[in-house]
Amino acid sequence: MCRSKYLQGIAALALSAAMSMPLIAQESGAKKQDKPAAGQPNESEMMAMMMELAKPGENHKVLARGVGTWTYAVKMWMNPDPNAAPMESSGTTVAREVLGGRYIITEHTGKMQMPGADGKMMDIEFKGMSTEGYDNVKKKFVATWIDNMGTGIASLEGTYDAGTKSLTYMAELEMMPGMKTKVREVIKIKDNDHRVMEWYEDRGGTEVKTMEITYTRKT
């Protein structure tokens, strides 16, 4: 009886070993595959890089200067003629930091003048929201914009010129179906309490200024 149990134990161990071999081989293969190629960072190095890239830096501080409450005045030109009278409107912007200073969220509320069906100008309630940040991977400023005048999400990328204290964003937007338009947005930081945003559109190969917004910080 004892010999029988002993043989059964040996058989069980042999079967267990046979079944484990494929798993061991798979794990060994996985370890070989996980091994980084020459010159590539390993897992711990990649984790350290990701942690470093996730830190807000000096470029995020540039955006943080806009945190606060602002009043704004808008001039908008539907006609590319620079001498044409602009449509004017005004409102309030509130900017705040989120996620440890990695992003700035701004909310805009006001009135916008638009031509009605009868051709007369009418005031329309306007609401918009933007997100701004600096992408440490792309090494670019990034921004998005949404408002109640459409259903799309505009995405922009840009740079900062410390000499002129200005942010320049570029994008290609599809404002109407099949009609893509290249745009350029320039934000000029005059001082801590004043800044101007200029919006340019490509009209048939010619860049035209279509909007200007003057911001004044509320004290």
Protein backbone atom coordinates (compact mmCIF):
# COMPACT_ATOMS: atom_id res chain seq x y z
CA MET A 1 0.00 0.00 0.00
CA CYS A 2 2.80 2.41 0.90
CA ARG A 3 4.63 1.61 -2.35
CA SER A 4 1.44 2.31 -4.32
CA LYS A 5 1.00 5.72 -2.70
CA TYR A 6 4.69 6.47 -3.34
CA LEU A 7 4.34 5.65 -7.06
CA GLN A 8 1.15 7.73 -7.27
CA GLY A 9 3.04 10.67 -5.76
CA ILE A 10 5.87 10.32 -8.29
CA ALA A 11 3.36 10.21 -11.14
CA ALA A 12 1.58 13.32 -9.85
CA LEU A 13 4.85 15.23 -9.62
CA ALA A 14 5.81 14.19 -13.15
CA LEU A 15 2.42 15.27 -14.53
CA SER A 16 2.63 18.60 -12.70
CA ALA A 17 6.11 19.24 -14.11
CA ALA A 18 4.98 18.37 -17.64
CA MET A 19 2.03 20.77 -17.40
CA SER A 20 4.23 23.55 -16.01
CA MET A 21 6.81 23.42 -18.81
CA PRO A 22 4.76 25.40 -21.37
CA LEU A 23 4.00 28.07 -18.77
CA ILE A 24 7.67 28.37 -17.85
CA ALA A 25 8.57 28.62 -21.51
CA GLN A 26 5.95 31.36 -22.05
CA GLU A 27 7.20 33.35 -19.05
CA SER A 28 10.77 33.01 -20.27
CA GLY A 29 9.73 34.21 -23.73
CA ALA A 30 7.82 37.13 -22.24
CA LYS A 31 10.88 38.19 -20.26
CA LYS A 32 12.95 38.10 -23.42
CA GLN A 33 10.36 40.21 -25.25
CA ASP A 34 10.18 42.71 -22.38
CA LYS A 35 13.90 43.25 -22.52
CA PRO A 36 14.43 46.71 -24.06
CA ALA A 37 16.28 47.07 -27.32
CA ALA A 38 19.75 48.57 -27.32
CA GLY A 39 19.59 52.26 -26.44
CA GLN A 40 15.99 52.05 -25.23
CA PRO A 41 15.02 52.81 -21.61
CA ASN A 42 13.95 49.96 -19.34
CA GLU A 43 10.71 49.96 -17.34
CA SER A 44 12.08 51.82 -14.33
CA GLU A 45 13.73 54.43 -16.55
CA MET A 46 10.51 54.92 -18.51
CA MET A 47 8.55 55.37 -15.29
CA ALA A 48 11.03 58.00 -14.11
CA MET A 49 10.73 59.81 -17.46
CA MET A 50 6.93 59.77 -17.28
CA MET A 51 6.98 61.20 -13.76
CA GLU A 52 9.32 63.98 -14.88
CA LEU A 53 7.22 64.78 -17.96
CA ALA A 54 4.11 65.03 -15.78
CA LYS A 55 5.53 67.91 -13.73
CA PRO A 56 4.29 71.45 -14.46
CA GLY A 57 7.18 73.82 -15.27
CA GLU A 58 8.03 77.36 -16.30
CA ASN A 59 5.79 77.26 -19.37
CA HIS A 60 2.82 76.40 -17.18
CA LYS A 61 3.64 79.48 -15.09
CA VAL A 62 3.28 81.60 -18.24
CA LEU A 63 -0.31 80.41 -18.55
CA ALA A 64 -0.94 80.81 -14.82
CA ARG A 65 -0.49 84.58 -15.20
CA GLY A 66 -3.93 84.63 -16.76
CA VAL A 67 -5.70 83.17 -13.72
CA GLY A 68 -8.38 85.53 -12.40
CA THR A 69 -11.46 87.40 -13.54
CA TRP A 70 -11.37 89.61 -16.63
CA THR A 71 -13.73 91.82 -18.59
CA TYR A 72 -13.41 91.68 -22.36
CA ALA A 73 -14.43 93.75 -25.38
CA VAL A 74 -14.74 92.08 -28.79
CA LYS A 75 -14.40 93.51 -32.28
CA MET A 76 -15.32 91.13 -35.09
CA TRP A 77 -15.12 91.68 -38.84
CA MET A 78 -17.29 89.57 -41.13
CA ASN A 79 -16.11 91.61 -44.10
CA PRO A 80 -12.40 91.24 -44.98
CA ASP A 81 -12.27 94.98 -45.78
CA PRO A 82 -10.02 96.47 -43.04
CA ASN A 83 -12.00 99.70 -43.20
CA ALA A 84 -15.32 97.97 -42.52
CA ALA A 85 -17.00 98.73 -39.20
CA PRO A 86 -16.65 95.78 -36.78
CA MET A 87 -19.41 94.14 -34.77
CA GLU A 88 -18.81 94.79 -31.09
CA SER A 89 -19.71 92.88 -27.93
CA SER A 90 -18.46 92.39 -24.38
CA GLY A 91 -18.45 89.95 -21.49
CA THR A 92 -16.55 88.39 -18.61
CA THR A 93 -13.90 85.67 -18.47
CA VAL A 94 -12.96 83.63 -15.40
CA ALA A 95 -9.73 81.60 -15.55
CA ARG A 96 -8.67 79.01 -12.98
CA GLU A 97 -5.94 76.41 -12.53
CA VAL A 98 -6.81 72.71 -12.40
CA LEU A 99 -4.90 69.46 -11.81
CA GLY A 100 -2.04 70.98 -9.90
CA GLY A 101 -1.43 73.84 -12.31
CA ARG A 102 -1.07 71.62 -15.36
CA TYR A 103 -4.01 73.24 -17.13
CA ILE A 104 -5.95 76.50 -17.15
CA ILE A 105 -9.72 76.39 -17.65
CA THR A 106 -11.45 79.60 -18.75
CA GLU A 107 -15.17 80.27 -18.94
CA HIS A 108 -16.50 83.12 -21.07
CA THR A 109 -19.97 84.68 -20.79
CA GLY A 110 -21.38 87.69 -22.56
CA LYS A 111 -23.42 89.01 -25.45
CA MET A 112 -22.56 88.70 -29.13
CA GLN A 113 -23.98 90.85 -31.91
CA MET A 114 -25.16 88.87 -34.90
CA PRO A 115 -27.23 89.84 -37.95
CA GLY A 116 -30.80 88.50 -37.75
CA ALA A 117 -32.95 87.15 -40.59
CA ASP A 118 -34.14 90.70 -41.29
CA GLY A 119 -30.60 92.00 -41.52
CA LYS A 120 -30.80 93.92 -38.26
CA MET A 121 -28.22 93.35 -35.55
CA MET A 122 -29.35 91.43 -32.49
CA ASP A 123 -27.73 90.44 -29.19
CA ILE A 124 -27.23 86.71 -28.60
CA GLU A 125 -26.15 85.14 -25.32
CA PHE A 126 -22.65 83.76 -25.70
CA LYS A 127 -20.91 81.10 -23.60
CA GLY A 128 -17.54 79.50 -24.28
CA MET A 129 -14.88 77.46 -22.53
CA SER A 130 -11.21 76.85 -23.21
CA THR A 131 -8.48 74.58 -21.87
CA GLU A 132 -4.84 75.62 -22.09
CA GLY A 133 -1.71 73.75 -21.17
CA TYR A 134 1.86 73.02 -22.12
CA ASP A 135 2.62 69.54 -23.47
CA ASN A 136 6.03 68.52 -22.12
CA VAL A 137 6.23 65.69 -24.66
CA LYS A 138 5.44 67.77 -27.76
CA LYS A 139 7.18 70.82 -26.28
CA LYS A 140 4.26 72.94 -27.43
CA PHE A 141 1.47 74.97 -25.87
CA VAL A 142 -1.87 73.28 -26.48
CA ALA A 143 -5.42 74.58 -26.25
CA THR A 144 -9.02 73.59 -26.96
CA TRP A 145 -12.13 75.72 -27.43
CA ILE A 146 -15.89 75.02 -27.31
CA ASP A 147 -18.88 77.37 -27.27
CA ASN A 148 -22.65 77.51 -27.70
CA MET A 149 -22.33 78.73 -31.30
CA GLY A 150 -21.35 75.27 -32.59
CA THR A 151 -20.82 71.61 -31.71
CA GLY A 152 -17.16 71.09 -32.63
CA ILE A 153 -14.04 71.12 -30.47
CA ALA A 154 -11.22 73.30 -31.78
CA SER A 155 -7.68 72.07 -31.05
CA LEU A 156 -4.71 74.41 -31.32
CA GLU A 157 -0.95 74.16 -30.82
CA GLY A 158 1.44 77.03 -30.29
CA THR A 159 4.60 78.65 -29.00
CA TYR A 160 5.55 81.46 -26.64
CA ASP A 161 7.89 84.33 -27.49
CA ALA A 162 9.40 85.68 -24.26
CA GLY A 163 10.77 88.74 -26.09
CA THR A 164 7.36 89.99 -27.22
CA LYS A 165 5.46 88.26 -24.38
CA SER A 166 3.07 86.70 -26.86
CA LEU A 167 1.52 83.28 -27.41
CA THR A 168 0.87 82.18 -30.98
CA TYR A 169 -1.51 79.29 -31.67
CA MET A 170 -2.11 77.64 -35.05
CA ALA A 171 -4.91 75.35 -36.21
CA GLU A 172 -6.97 74.20 -39.16
CA LEU A 173 -10.69 74.39 -38.44
CA GLU A 174 -13.69 73.12 -40.37
CA MET A 175 -16.25 75.82 -39.63
CA MET A 176 -18.57 74.70 -42.44
CA PRO A 177 -18.84 71.19 -43.98
CA GLY A 178 -15.95 70.66 -46.36
CA MET A 179 -14.56 74.15 -45.78
CA LYS A 180 -11.32 73.92 -43.80
CA THR A 181 -9.72 77.18 -42.73
CA LYS A 182 -6.22 77.79 -41.40
CA VAL A 183 -6.25 80.13 -38.42
CA ARG A 184 -3.68 81.91 -36.28
CA GLU A 185 -4.34 83.21 -32.79
CA VAL A 186 -1.96 85.68 -31.14
CA ILE A 187 -2.29 86.56 -27.43
CA LYS A 188 -0.24 89.64 -26.53
CA ILE A 189 0.43 90.03 -22.80
CA LYS A 190 0.68 93.79 -22.33
CA ASP A 191 1.15 93.62 -18.56
CA ASN A 192 -0.29 91.72 -15.61
CA ASP A 193 -3.73 93.33 -16.04
CA HIS A 194 -4.06 93.81 -19.80
CA ARG A 195 -3.82 91.50 -22.82
CA VAL A 196 -5.07 91.43 -26.40
CA MET A 197 -6.08 88.44 -28.51
CA GLU A 198 -5.94 88.74 -32.31
CA TRP A 199 -7.54 86.14 -34.57
CA TYR A 200 -6.51 85.68 -38.21
CA GLU A 201 -8.05 83.51 -40.92
CA ASP A 202 -6.75 82.36 -44.29
CA ARG A 203 -9.13 83.75 -46.90
CA GLY A 204 -8.10 82.36 -50.27
CA GLY A 205 -4.39 82.43 -49.52
CA THR A 206 -4.51 85.82 -47.80
CA GLU A 207 -4.45 86.09 -44.02
CA VAL A 208 -7.17 88.39 -42.72
CA LYS A 209 -7.74 89.66 -39.20
CA THR A 210 -11.33 88.79 -38.28
CA MET A 211 -11.43 89.31 -34.52
CA GLU A 212 -9.76 91.24 -31.72
CA ILE A 213 -10.49 90.84 -28.00
CA THR A 214 -9.16 93.24 -25.38
CA TYR A 215 -8.97 91.85 -21.83
CA THR A 216 -8.76 93.89 -18.62
CA ARG A 217 -8.31 92.22 -15.25
CA LYS A 218 -10.95 92.92 -12.63
CA THR A 219 -9.45 94.23 -9.41
